[in-house]
Every structure is written in structure tokens, then in C-alpha cells.
All heavy atoms as atom14 arrays in JSON, in Angstrom:
{
  "sequence": "HTGGSLRLSCTASGITFNGRTIGWHRQAPGKQREFVALISPFGTTN",
  "atom14_mask": [
    [1, 1, 1, 1, 1, 1, 1, 1, 1, 1, 0, 0, 0, 0],
    [1, 1, 1, 1, 1, 1, 1, 0, 0, 0, 0, 0, 0, 0],
    [1, 1, 1, 1, 0, 0, 0, 0, 0, 0, 0, 0, 0, 0],
    [1, 1, 1, 1, 0, 0, 0, 0, 0, 0, 0, 0, 0, 0],
    [1, 1, 1, 1, 1, 1, 0, 0, 0, 0, 0, 0, 0, 0],
    [1, 1, 1, 1, 1, 1, 1, 1, 0, 0, 0, 0, 0, 0],
    [1, 1, 1, 1, 1, 1, 1, 1, 1, 1, 1, 0, 0, 0],
    [1, 1, 1, 1, 1, 1, 1, 1, 0, 0, 0, 0, 0, 0],
    [1, 1, 1, 1, 1, 1, 0, 0, 0, 0, 0, 0, 0, 0],
    [1, 1, 1, 1, 1, 1, 0, 0, 0, 0, 0, 0, 0, 0],
    [1, 1, 1, 1, 1, 1, 1, 0, 0, 0, 0, 0, 0, 0],
    [1, 1, 1, 1, 1, 0, 0, 0, 0, 0, 0, 0, 0, 0],
    [1, 1, 1, 1, 1, 1, 0, 0, 0, 0, 0, 0, 0, 0],
    [1, 1, 1, 1, 0, 0, 0, 0, 0, 0, 0, 0, 0, 0],
    [1, 1, 1, 1, 1, 1, 1, 1, 0, 0, 0, 0, 0, 0],
    [1, 1, 1, 1, 1, 1, 1, 0, 0, 0, 0, 0, 0, 0],
    [1, 1, 1, 1, 1, 1, 1, 1, 1, 1, 1, 0, 0, 0],
    [1, 1, 1, 1, 1, 1, 1, 1, 0, 0, 0, 0, 0, 0],
    [1, 1, 1, 1, 0, 0, 0, 0, 0, 0, 0, 0, 0, 0],
    [1, 1, 1, 1, 1, 1, 1, 1, 1, 1, 1, 0, 0, 0],
    [1, 1, 1, 1, 1, 1, 1, 0, 0, 0, 0, 0, 0, 0],
    [1, 1, 1, 1, 1, 1, 1, 1, 0, 0, 0, 0, 0, 0],
    [1, 1, 1, 1, 0, 0, 0, 0, 0, 0, 0, 0, 0, 0],
    [1, 1, 1, 1, 1, 1, 1, 1, 1, 1, 1, 1, 1, 1],
    [1, 1, 1, 1, 1, 1, 1, 1, 1, 1, 0, 0, 0, 0],
    [1, 1, 1, 1, 1, 1, 1, 1, 1, 1, 1, 0, 0, 0],
    [1, 1, 1, 1, 1, 1, 1, 1, 1, 0, 0, 0, 0, 0],
    [1, 1, 1, 1, 1, 0, 0, 0, 0, 0, 0, 0, 0, 0],
    [1, 1, 1, 1, 1, 1, 1, 0, 0, 0, 0, 0, 0, 0],
    [1, 1, 1, 1, 0, 0, 0, 0, 0, 0, 0, 0, 0, 0],
    [1, 1, 1, 1, 1, 1, 1, 1, 1, 0, 0, 0, 0, 0],
    [1, 1, 1, 1, 1, 1, 1, 1, 1, 0, 0, 0, 0, 0],
    [1, 1, 1, 1, 1, 1, 1, 1, 1, 1, 1, 0, 0, 0],
    [1, 1, 1, 1, 1, 1, 1, 1, 1, 0, 0, 0, 0, 0],
    [1, 1, 1, 1, 1, 1, 1, 1, 1, 1, 1, 0, 0, 0],
    [1, 1, 1, 1, 1, 1, 1, 0, 0, 0, 0, 0, 0, 0],
    [1, 1, 1, 1, 1, 0, 0, 0, 0, 0, 0, 0, 0, 0],
    [1, 1, 1, 1, 1, 1, 1, 1, 0, 0, 0, 0, 0, 0],
    [1, 1, 1, 1, 1, 1, 1, 1, 0, 0, 0, 0, 0, 0],
    [1, 1, 1, 1, 1, 1, 0, 0, 0, 0, 0, 0, 0, 0],
    [1, 1, 1, 1, 1, 1, 1, 0, 0, 0, 0, 0, 0, 0],
    [1, 1, 1, 1, 1, 1, 1, 1, 1, 1, 1, 0, 0, 0],
    [1, 1, 1, 1, 0, 0, 0, 0, 0, 0, 0, 0, 0, 0],
    [1, 1, 1, 1, 1, 1, 1, 0, 0, 0, 0, 0, 0, 0],
    [1, 1, 1, 1, 1, 1, 1, 0, 0, 0, 0, 0, 0, 0],
    [1, 1, 1, 1, 1, 1, 1, 1, 0, 0, 0, 0, 0, 0]
  ],
  "atom14_positions": [
    [[-22.64, 16.06, 7.54], [-22.3, 15.58, 8.89], [-22.34, 14.13, 9.02], [-22.87, 13.4, 8.24], [-23.25, 16.2, 9.88], [-23.13, 17.67, 10.08], [-22.01, 18.25, 10.55], [-24.06, 18.63, 9.76], [-22.21, 19.65, 10.48], [-23.46, 19.87, 10.06], [0.0, 0.0, 0.0], [0.0, 0.0, 0.0], [0.0, 0.0, 0.0], [0.0, 0.0, 0.0]],
    [[-21.66, 13.64, 10.04], [-21.72, 12.14, 10.35], [-23.15, 11.72, 10.4], [-24.0, 12.29, 11.03], [-21.08, 11.76, 11.64], [-19.66, 12.2, 11.51], [-21.12, 10.37, 11.98], [0.0, 0.0, 0.0], [0.0, 0.0, 0.0], [0.0, 0.0, 0.0], [0.0, 0.0, 0.0], [0.0, 0.0, 0.0], [0.0, 0.0, 0.0], [0.0, 0.0, 0.0]],
    [[-23.42, 10.59, 9.63], [-24.76, 10.06, 9.58], [-25.56, 10.56, 8.47], [-26.67, 10.0, 8.18], [0.0, 0.0, 0.0], [0.0, 0.0, 0.0], [0.0, 0.0, 0.0], [0.0, 0.0, 0.0], [0.0, 0.0, 0.0], [0.0, 0.0, 0.0], [0.0, 0.0, 0.0], [0.0, 0.0, 0.0], [0.0, 0.0, 0.0], [0.0, 0.0, 0.0]],
    [[-25.07, 11.51, 7.68], [-25.73, 12.07, 6.54], [-25.71, 11.19, 5.33], [-25.08, 10.11, 5.36], [0.0, 0.0, 0.0], [0.0, 0.0, 0.0], [0.0, 0.0, 0.0], [0.0, 0.0, 0.0], [0.0, 0.0, 0.0], [0.0, 0.0, 0.0], [0.0, 0.0, 0.0], [0.0, 0.0, 0.0], [0.0, 0.0, 0.0], [0.0, 0.0, 0.0]],
    [[-26.23, 11.62, 4.25], [-26.36, 10.89, 3.02], [-25.99, 11.81, 1.9], [-26.17, 13.01, 1.81], [-27.81, 10.4, 2.76], [-28.12, 9.49, 3.81], [0.0, 0.0, 0.0], [0.0, 0.0, 0.0], [0.0, 0.0, 0.0], [0.0, 0.0, 0.0], [0.0, 0.0, 0.0], [0.0, 0.0, 0.0], [0.0, 0.0, 0.0], [0.0, 0.0, 0.0]],
    [[-25.48, 11.15, 0.76], [-25.19, 11.81, -0.51], [-25.39, 10.78, -1.57], [-25.32, 9.63, -1.35], [-23.7, 12.25, -0.6], [-23.32, 13.52, 0.2], [-21.79, 13.6, 0.13], [-24.04, 14.78, -0.29], [0.0, 0.0, 0.0], [0.0, 0.0, 0.0], [0.0, 0.0, 0.0], [0.0, 0.0, 0.0], [0.0, 0.0, 0.0], [0.0, 0.0, 0.0]],
    [[-25.71, 11.33, -2.74], [-25.93, 10.45, -3.9], [-24.98, 10.97, -5.04], [-25.15, 12.1, -5.49], [-27.34, 10.43, -4.41], [-27.61, 9.5, -5.58], [-28.97, 9.8, -6.2], [-29.47, 8.7, -7.05], [-30.28, 8.91, -8.14], [-30.75, 10.03, -8.31], [-30.67, 7.82, -8.79], [0.0, 0.0, 0.0], [0.0, 0.0, 0.0], [0.0, 0.0, 0.0]],
    [[-24.06, 10.17, -5.35], [-23.1, 10.46, -6.41], [-23.56, 9.92, -7.78], [-24.27, 8.9, -7.87], [-21.7, 9.83, -6.17], [-21.16, 10.16, -4.85], [-19.77, 9.57, -4.73], [-21.17, 11.67, -4.51], [0.0, 0.0, 0.0], [0.0, 0.0, 0.0], [0.0, 0.0, 0.0], [0.0, 0.0, 0.0], [0.0, 0.0, 0.0], [0.0, 0.0, 0.0]],
    [[-23.28, 10.64, -8.82], [-23.59, 10.23, -10.16], [-22.3, 10.17, -11.12], [-21.42, 10.91, -10.81], [-24.62, 11.2, -10.82], [-25.78, 11.3, -10.06], [0.0, 0.0, 0.0], [0.0, 0.0, 0.0], [0.0, 0.0, 0.0], [0.0, 0.0, 0.0], [0.0, 0.0, 0.0], [0.0, 0.0, 0.0], [0.0, 0.0, 0.0], [0.0, 0.0, 0.0]],
    [[-22.37, 9.25, -12.0], [-21.26, 9.2, -12.91], [-21.81, 9.01, -14.26], [-22.58, 8.07, -14.61], [-20.47, 7.9, -12.61], [-19.23, 7.45, -13.82], [0.0, 0.0, 0.0], [0.0, 0.0, 0.0], [0.0, 0.0, 0.0], [0.0, 0.0, 0.0], [0.0, 0.0, 0.0], [0.0, 0.0, 0.0], [0.0, 0.0, 0.0], [0.0, 0.0, 0.0]],
    [[-21.34, 9.94, -15.18], [-21.74, 9.8, -16.59], [-20.42, 9.79, -17.37], [-19.34, 10.1, -16.87], [-22.66, 10.96, -17.04], [-21.97, 12.2, -16.79], [-23.96, 11.01, -16.22], [0.0, 0.0, 0.0], [0.0, 0.0, 0.0], [0.0, 0.0, 0.0], [0.0, 0.0, 0.0], [0.0, 0.0, 0.0], [0.0, 0.0, 0.0], [0.0, 0.0, 0.0]],
    [[-20.62, 9.54, -18.69], [-19.48, 9.59, -19.59], [-19.74, 10.11, -20.96], [-20.87, 9.96, -21.44], [-18.88, 8.12, -19.72], [0.0, 0.0, 0.0], [0.0, 0.0, 0.0], [0.0, 0.0, 0.0], [0.0, 0.0, 0.0], [0.0, 0.0, 0.0], [0.0, 0.0, 0.0], [0.0, 0.0, 0.0], [0.0, 0.0, 0.0], [0.0, 0.0, 0.0]],
    [[-18.8, 10.77, -21.54], [-18.95, 11.1, -22.96], [-17.83, 10.33, -23.71], [-16.79, 9.99, -23.2], [-18.66, 12.61, -23.05], [-17.4, 12.97, -22.67], [0.0, 0.0, 0.0], [0.0, 0.0, 0.0], [0.0, 0.0, 0.0], [0.0, 0.0, 0.0], [0.0, 0.0, 0.0], [0.0, 0.0, 0.0], [0.0, 0.0, 0.0], [0.0, 0.0, 0.0]],
    [[-18.15, 9.98, -24.98], [-17.27, 9.21, -25.75], [-17.51, 7.71, -25.71], [-16.97, 7.04, -26.59], [0.0, 0.0, 0.0], [0.0, 0.0, 0.0], [0.0, 0.0, 0.0], [0.0, 0.0, 0.0], [0.0, 0.0, 0.0], [0.0, 0.0, 0.0], [0.0, 0.0, 0.0], [0.0, 0.0, 0.0], [0.0, 0.0, 0.0], [0.0, 0.0, 0.0]],
    [[-18.23, 7.27, -24.75], [-18.47, 5.83, -24.56], [-19.86, 5.68, -23.94], [-20.41, 6.65, -23.46], [-17.51, 5.1, -23.7], [-17.45, 5.57, -22.25], [-16.11, 5.15, -24.28], [-16.82, 4.67, -21.34], [0.0, 0.0, 0.0], [0.0, 0.0, 0.0], [0.0, 0.0, 0.0], [0.0, 0.0, 0.0], [0.0, 0.0, 0.0], [0.0, 0.0, 0.0]],
    [[-20.38, 4.49, -23.95], [-21.57, 4.16, -23.19], [-21.19, 3.11, -22.09], [-20.34, 2.31, -22.28], [-22.65, 3.6, -24.09], [-23.77, 3.13, -23.27], [-22.13, 2.39, -24.85], [0.0, 0.0, 0.0], [0.0, 0.0, 0.0], [0.0, 0.0, 0.0], [0.0, 0.0, 0.0], [0.0, 0.0, 0.0], [0.0, 0.0, 0.0], [0.0, 0.0, 0.0]],
    [[-21.84, 3.2, -21.07], [-21.65, 2.23, -20.0], [-22.24, 0.95, -20.25], [-21.99, -0.07, -19.52], [-22.11, 2.84, -18.67], [-21.28, 3.94, -18.0], [-21.76, 4.77, -17.11], [-19.92, 4.02, -18.38], [-20.99, 5.79, -16.57], [-19.11, 5.06, -17.77], [-19.75, 5.93, -16.98], [0.0, 0.0, 0.0], [0.0, 0.0, 0.0], [0.0, 0.0, 0.0]],
    [[-23.25, 0.99, -21.18], [-23.93, -0.29, -21.46], [-23.0, -1.45, -21.76], [-22.12, -1.19, -22.59], [-25.02, -0.08, -22.57], [-26.11, 0.9, -22.09], [-26.21, 1.16, -20.93], [-26.69, 1.5, -23.15], [0.0, 0.0, 0.0], [0.0, 0.0, 0.0], [0.0, 0.0, 0.0], [0.0, 0.0, 0.0], [0.0, 0.0, 0.0], [0.0, 0.0, 0.0]],
    [[-23.22, -2.54, -21.13], [-22.34, -3.72, -21.41], [-21.07, -3.76, -20.6], [-20.27, -4.65, -20.7], [0.0, 0.0, 0.0], [0.0, 0.0, 0.0], [0.0, 0.0, 0.0], [0.0, 0.0, 0.0], [0.0, 0.0, 0.0], [0.0, 0.0, 0.0], [0.0, 0.0, 0.0], [0.0, 0.0, 0.0], [0.0, 0.0, 0.0], [0.0, 0.0, 0.0]],
    [[-20.76, -2.65, -19.85], [-19.51, -2.6, -19.06], [-19.87, -2.73, -17.49], [-20.84, -2.22, -17.04], [-18.93, -1.28, -19.27], [-18.42, -1.03, -20.64], [-17.81, 0.38, -20.75], [-17.37, 0.75, -22.14], [-16.25, 0.55, -22.59], [-15.24, 0.08, -21.84], [-15.94, 0.89, -23.84], [0.0, 0.0, 0.0], [0.0, 0.0, 0.0], [0.0, 0.0, 0.0]],
    [[-19.0, -3.4, -16.75], [-18.96, -3.32, -15.34], [-18.36, -1.96, -14.93], [-17.21, -1.7, -15.37], [-18.25, -4.48, -14.75], [-18.97, -5.67, -15.11], [-18.14, -4.35, -13.22], [0.0, 0.0, 0.0], [0.0, 0.0, 0.0], [0.0, 0.0, 0.0], [0.0, 0.0, 0.0], [0.0, 0.0, 0.0], [0.0, 0.0, 0.0], [0.0, 0.0, 0.0]],
    [[-18.99, -1.27, -14.12], [-18.5, 0.09, -13.68], [-18.41, 0.1, -12.19], [-19.31, -0.48, -11.46], [-19.47, 1.24, -14.16], [-19.51, 1.2, -15.7], [-18.96, 2.56, -13.59], [-18.17, 1.54, -16.35], [0.0, 0.0, 0.0], [0.0, 0.0, 0.0], [0.0, 0.0, 0.0], [0.0, 0.0, 0.0], [0.0, 0.0, 0.0], [0.0, 0.0, 0.0]],
    [[-17.41, 0.67, -11.71], [-17.14, 0.72, -10.24], [-17.0, 2.12, -9.74], [-16.74, 3.05, -10.52], [0.0, 0.0, 0.0], [0.0, 0.0, 0.0], [0.0, 0.0, 0.0], [0.0, 0.0, 0.0], [0.0, 0.0, 0.0], [0.0, 0.0, 0.0], [0.0, 0.0, 0.0], [0.0, 0.0, 0.0], [0.0, 0.0, 0.0], [0.0, 0.0, 0.0]],
    [[-17.07, 2.32, -8.43], [-16.68, 3.45, -7.71], [-15.44, 3.22, -6.94], [-15.3, 2.12, -6.3], [-17.81, 4.01, -6.77], [-18.93, 4.63, -7.53], [-20.1, 4.08, -7.93], [-19.04, 6.01, -7.93], [-20.88, 5.0, -8.56], [-20.28, 6.23, -8.54], [-18.17, 7.09, -7.76], [-20.69, 7.44, -9.04], [-18.6, 8.39, -8.24], [-19.78, 8.53, -8.91]],
    [[-14.55, 4.27, -6.9], [-13.32, 4.12, -6.23], [-13.2, 5.43, -5.44], [-13.85, 6.4, -5.68], [-12.12, 4.03, -7.19], [-12.32, 2.94, -8.24], [-11.63, 1.78, -8.27], [-13.12, 2.97, -9.31], [-11.97, 1.07, -9.29], [-12.81, 1.76, -10.06], [0.0, 0.0, 0.0], [0.0, 0.0, 0.0], [0.0, 0.0, 0.0], [0.0, 0.0, 0.0]],
    [[-12.33, 5.38, -4.36], [-12.11, 6.58, -3.69], [-10.67, 6.75, -3.2], [-10.02, 5.77, -3.09], [-13.03, 6.68, -2.45], [-12.82, 5.63, -1.37], [-13.77, 5.76, -0.36], [-13.58, 4.83, 0.83], [-14.42, 4.63, 1.77], [-15.57, 5.25, 1.85], [-14.15, 3.71, 2.7], [0.0, 0.0, 0.0], [0.0, 0.0, 0.0], [0.0, 0.0, 0.0]],
    [[-10.23, 8.0, -3.0], [-8.92, 8.22, -2.55], [-8.93, 9.24, -1.51], [-9.35, 10.42, -1.79], [-8.02, 8.67, -3.73], [-6.6, 8.85, -3.34], [-5.64, 8.95, -4.52], [-6.0, 9.29, -5.63], [-4.39, 8.66, -4.35], [0.0, 0.0, 0.0], [0.0, 0.0, 0.0], [0.0, 0.0, 0.0], [0.0, 0.0, 0.0], [0.0, 0.0, 0.0]],
    [[-8.59, 8.86, -0.34], [-8.48, 9.8, 0.82], [-7.14, 10.48, 0.81], [-6.17, 9.95, 0.26], [-8.74, 9.02, 2.07], [0.0, 0.0, 0.0], [0.0, 0.0, 0.0], [0.0, 0.0, 0.0], [0.0, 0.0, 0.0], [0.0, 0.0, 0.0], [0.0, 0.0, 0.0], [0.0, 0.0, 0.0], [0.0, 0.0, 0.0], [0.0, 0.0, 0.0]],
    [[-7.01, 11.66, 1.41], [-5.69, 12.34, 1.5], [-4.6, 11.42, 2.07], [-4.75, 10.73, 3.14], [-6.02, 13.49, 2.4], [-7.45, 13.73, 2.34], [-8.08, 12.32, 2.12], [0.0, 0.0, 0.0], [0.0, 0.0, 0.0], [0.0, 0.0, 0.0], [0.0, 0.0, 0.0], [0.0, 0.0, 0.0], [0.0, 0.0, 0.0], [0.0, 0.0, 0.0]],
    [[-3.57, 11.27, 1.36], [-2.35, 10.49, 1.83], [-2.48, 9.01, 1.69], [-1.65, 8.35, 2.18], [0.0, 0.0, 0.0], [0.0, 0.0, 0.0], [0.0, 0.0, 0.0], [0.0, 0.0, 0.0], [0.0, 0.0, 0.0], [0.0, 0.0, 0.0], [0.0, 0.0, 0.0], [0.0, 0.0, 0.0], [0.0, 0.0, 0.0], [0.0, 0.0, 0.0]],
    [[-3.6, 8.61, 1.06], [-3.85, 7.18, 0.89], [-3.93, 6.76, -0.53], [-4.13, 7.7, -1.41], [-5.05, 6.71, 1.63], [-4.95, 6.98, 3.1], [-6.19, 6.31, 3.8], [-6.04, 6.44, 5.28], [-7.25, 5.85, 6.0], [0.0, 0.0, 0.0], [0.0, 0.0, 0.0], [0.0, 0.0, 0.0], [0.0, 0.0, 0.0], [0.0, 0.0, 0.0]],
    [[-3.75, 5.53, -0.88], [-4.0, 5.08, -2.27], [-5.46, 4.98, -2.59], [-6.3, 4.81, -1.69], [-3.32, 3.68, -2.4], [-1.79, 3.72, -2.38], [-1.16, 2.35, -2.76], [-1.76, 1.38, -2.64], [0.02, 2.43, -3.36], [0.0, 0.0, 0.0], [0.0, 0.0, 0.0], [0.0, 0.0, 0.0], [0.0, 0.0, 0.0], [0.0, 0.0, 0.0]],
    [[-5.71, 5.02, -3.84], [-7.09, 4.92, -4.37], [-7.55, 3.51, -4.06], [-6.76, 2.48, -4.19], [-7.14, 5.1, -5.85], [-8.5, 5.19, -6.41], [-8.43, 5.55, -7.93], [-8.0, 6.97, -8.03], [-7.35, 7.43, -9.15], [-7.16, 6.61, -10.16], [-7.12, 8.77, -9.24], [0.0, 0.0, 0.0], [0.0, 0.0, 0.0], [0.0, 0.0, 0.0]],
    [[-8.83, 3.3, -3.52], [-9.37, 2.06, -3.22], [-10.66, 1.74, -3.83], [-11.48, 2.71, -4.09], [-9.45, 1.91, -1.63], [-10.46, 2.91, -1.03], [-10.58, 2.69, 0.54], [-9.89, 1.74, 1.05], [-11.37, 3.32, 1.12], [0.0, 0.0, 0.0], [0.0, 0.0, 0.0], [0.0, 0.0, 0.0], [0.0, 0.0, 0.0], [0.0, 0.0, 0.0]],
    [[-10.98, 0.51, -3.95], [-12.28, 0.1, -4.51], [-13.37, 0.27, -3.49], [-13.2, 0.14, -2.3], [-12.2, -1.44, -4.87], [-13.49, -2.04, -5.09], [-14.15, -1.88, -6.26], [-14.01, -2.91, -4.03], [-15.43, -2.5, -6.43], [-15.26, -3.51, -4.25], [-15.91, -3.31, -5.4], [0.0, 0.0, 0.0], [0.0, 0.0, 0.0], [0.0, 0.0, 0.0]],
    [[-14.5, 0.77, -4.04], [-15.66, 1.01, -3.12], [-16.82, 0.07, -3.47], [-17.42, -0.71, -2.69], [-16.17, 2.5, -3.28], [-17.46, 2.6, -2.46], [-15.1, 3.41, -2.77], [0.0, 0.0, 0.0], [0.0, 0.0, 0.0], [0.0, 0.0, 0.0], [0.0, 0.0, 0.0], [0.0, 0.0, 0.0], [0.0, 0.0, 0.0], [0.0, 0.0, 0.0]],
    [[-17.2, 0.07, -4.86], [-18.36, -0.74, -5.22], [-18.29, -0.95, -6.69], [-17.67, -0.17, -7.39], [-19.64, -0.16, -4.78], [0.0, 0.0, 0.0], [0.0, 0.0, 0.0], [0.0, 0.0, 0.0], [0.0, 0.0, 0.0], [0.0, 0.0, 0.0], [0.0, 0.0, 0.0], [0.0, 0.0, 0.0], [0.0, 0.0, 0.0], [0.0, 0.0, 0.0]],
    [[-19.0, -2.0, -7.26], [-19.1, -2.22, -8.68], [-20.48, -2.7, -9.02], [-21.12, -3.38, -8.12], [-17.94, -3.06, -9.21], [-17.83, -4.5, -8.74], [-18.84, -5.36, -9.48], [-16.38, -5.03, -9.02], [0.0, 0.0, 0.0], [0.0, 0.0, 0.0], [0.0, 0.0, 0.0], [0.0, 0.0, 0.0], [0.0, 0.0, 0.0], [0.0, 0.0, 0.0]],
    [[-20.85, -2.57, -10.26], [-22.07, -3.11, -10.75], [-21.91, -3.59, -12.12], [-21.26, -2.96, -13.0], [-23.21, -2.07, -10.67], [-24.51, -2.74, -11.08], [-22.96, -0.82, -11.5], [-25.81, -1.9, -10.7], [0.0, 0.0, 0.0], [0.0, 0.0, 0.0], [0.0, 0.0, 0.0], [0.0, 0.0, 0.0], [0.0, 0.0, 0.0], [0.0, 0.0, 0.0]],
    [[-22.33, -4.82, -12.34], [-22.17, -5.5, -13.69], [-23.25, -5.05, -14.55], [-24.24, -4.42, -14.19], [-22.17, -7.0, -13.6], [-23.55, -7.39, -13.4], [0.0, 0.0, 0.0], [0.0, 0.0, 0.0], [0.0, 0.0, 0.0], [0.0, 0.0, 0.0], [0.0, 0.0, 0.0], [0.0, 0.0, 0.0], [0.0, 0.0, 0.0], [0.0, 0.0, 0.0]],
    [[-23.13, -5.3, -15.9], [-24.27, -4.96, -16.83], [-25.55, -5.65, -16.47], [-26.64, -5.19, -16.92], [-23.77, -5.48, -18.13], [-22.29, -5.5, -18.01], [-22.03, -5.82, -16.61], [0.0, 0.0, 0.0], [0.0, 0.0, 0.0], [0.0, 0.0, 0.0], [0.0, 0.0, 0.0], [0.0, 0.0, 0.0], [0.0, 0.0, 0.0], [0.0, 0.0, 0.0]],
    [[-25.49, -6.71, -15.75], [-26.71, -7.52, -15.34], [-27.2, -7.07, -13.9], [-28.26, -7.67, -13.5], [-26.38, -8.99, -15.34], [-25.69, -9.45, -16.62], [-24.33, -9.72, -16.64], [-26.48, -9.55, -17.78], [-23.66, -10.19, -17.79], [-25.78, -9.96, -18.93], [-24.46, -10.26, -18.93], [0.0, 0.0, 0.0], [0.0, 0.0, 0.0], [0.0, 0.0, 0.0]],
    [[-26.52, -6.12, -13.29], [-27.06, -5.66, -12.06], [-26.38, -6.35, -10.8], [-26.71, -6.01, -9.71], [0.0, 0.0, 0.0], [0.0, 0.0, 0.0], [0.0, 0.0, 0.0], [0.0, 0.0, 0.0], [0.0, 0.0, 0.0], [0.0, 0.0, 0.0], [0.0, 0.0, 0.0], [0.0, 0.0, 0.0], [0.0, 0.0, 0.0], [0.0, 0.0, 0.0]],
    [[-25.4, -7.23, -11.1], [-24.67, -7.87, -9.96], [-23.88, -6.81, -9.31], [-23.13, -6.07, -10.05], [-23.87, -9.03, -10.46], [-24.74, -9.96, -11.08], [-23.18, -9.72, -9.3], [0.0, 0.0, 0.0], [0.0, 0.0, 0.0], [0.0, 0.0, 0.0], [0.0, 0.0, 0.0], [0.0, 0.0, 0.0], [0.0, 0.0, 0.0], [0.0, 0.0, 0.0]],
    [[-23.89, -6.73, -7.99], [-23.09, -5.73, -7.27], [-22.03, -6.39, -6.35], [-22.23, -7.53, -5.96], [-24.03, -4.87, -6.42], [-24.76, -5.61, -5.52], [-24.94, -4.06, -7.42], [0.0, 0.0, 0.0], [0.0, 0.0, 0.0], [0.0, 0.0, 0.0], [0.0, 0.0, 0.0], [0.0, 0.0, 0.0], [0.0, 0.0, 0.0], [0.0, 0.0, 0.0]],
    [[-21.08, -5.6, -5.99], [-20.05, -6.03, -5.06], [-19.63, -4.83, -4.31], [-19.54, -3.67, -4.94], [-18.92, -6.69, -5.76], [-18.02, -7.42, -4.75], [-18.48, -7.7, -3.64], [-16.78, -7.67, -5.14], [0.0, 0.0, 0.0], [0.0, 0.0, 0.0], [0.0, 0.0, 0.0], [0.0, 0.0, 0.0], [0.0, 0.0, 0.0], [0.0, 0.0, 0.0]]
  ]
}
């Protein structure tokens, strides 16, 4: 419901995330995929 919370997780097989900047993106119905957030290997976020 509105105001609620969720925690998403992302894992990978075939590679490691270590040393990579990884981001979250989202795509709503009828819209283009958009950037949500990213985190660098050093913990810098945007």
C-alpha cells in the first residue's frame, strides 16, 4: 500500500559485482526504462 516499504535484492551469476558500479532502473507500463539509483565500488551513491 501507499507508504509501505520493500527491499529489493540483486545478485548475479557469471560475474562479480566487486569493482563495478551497479544501479537500479525501473520501467513502468507504457514508459521507458529510467534510472533510479546507483552505487560505486567505494560506496558513493546517486
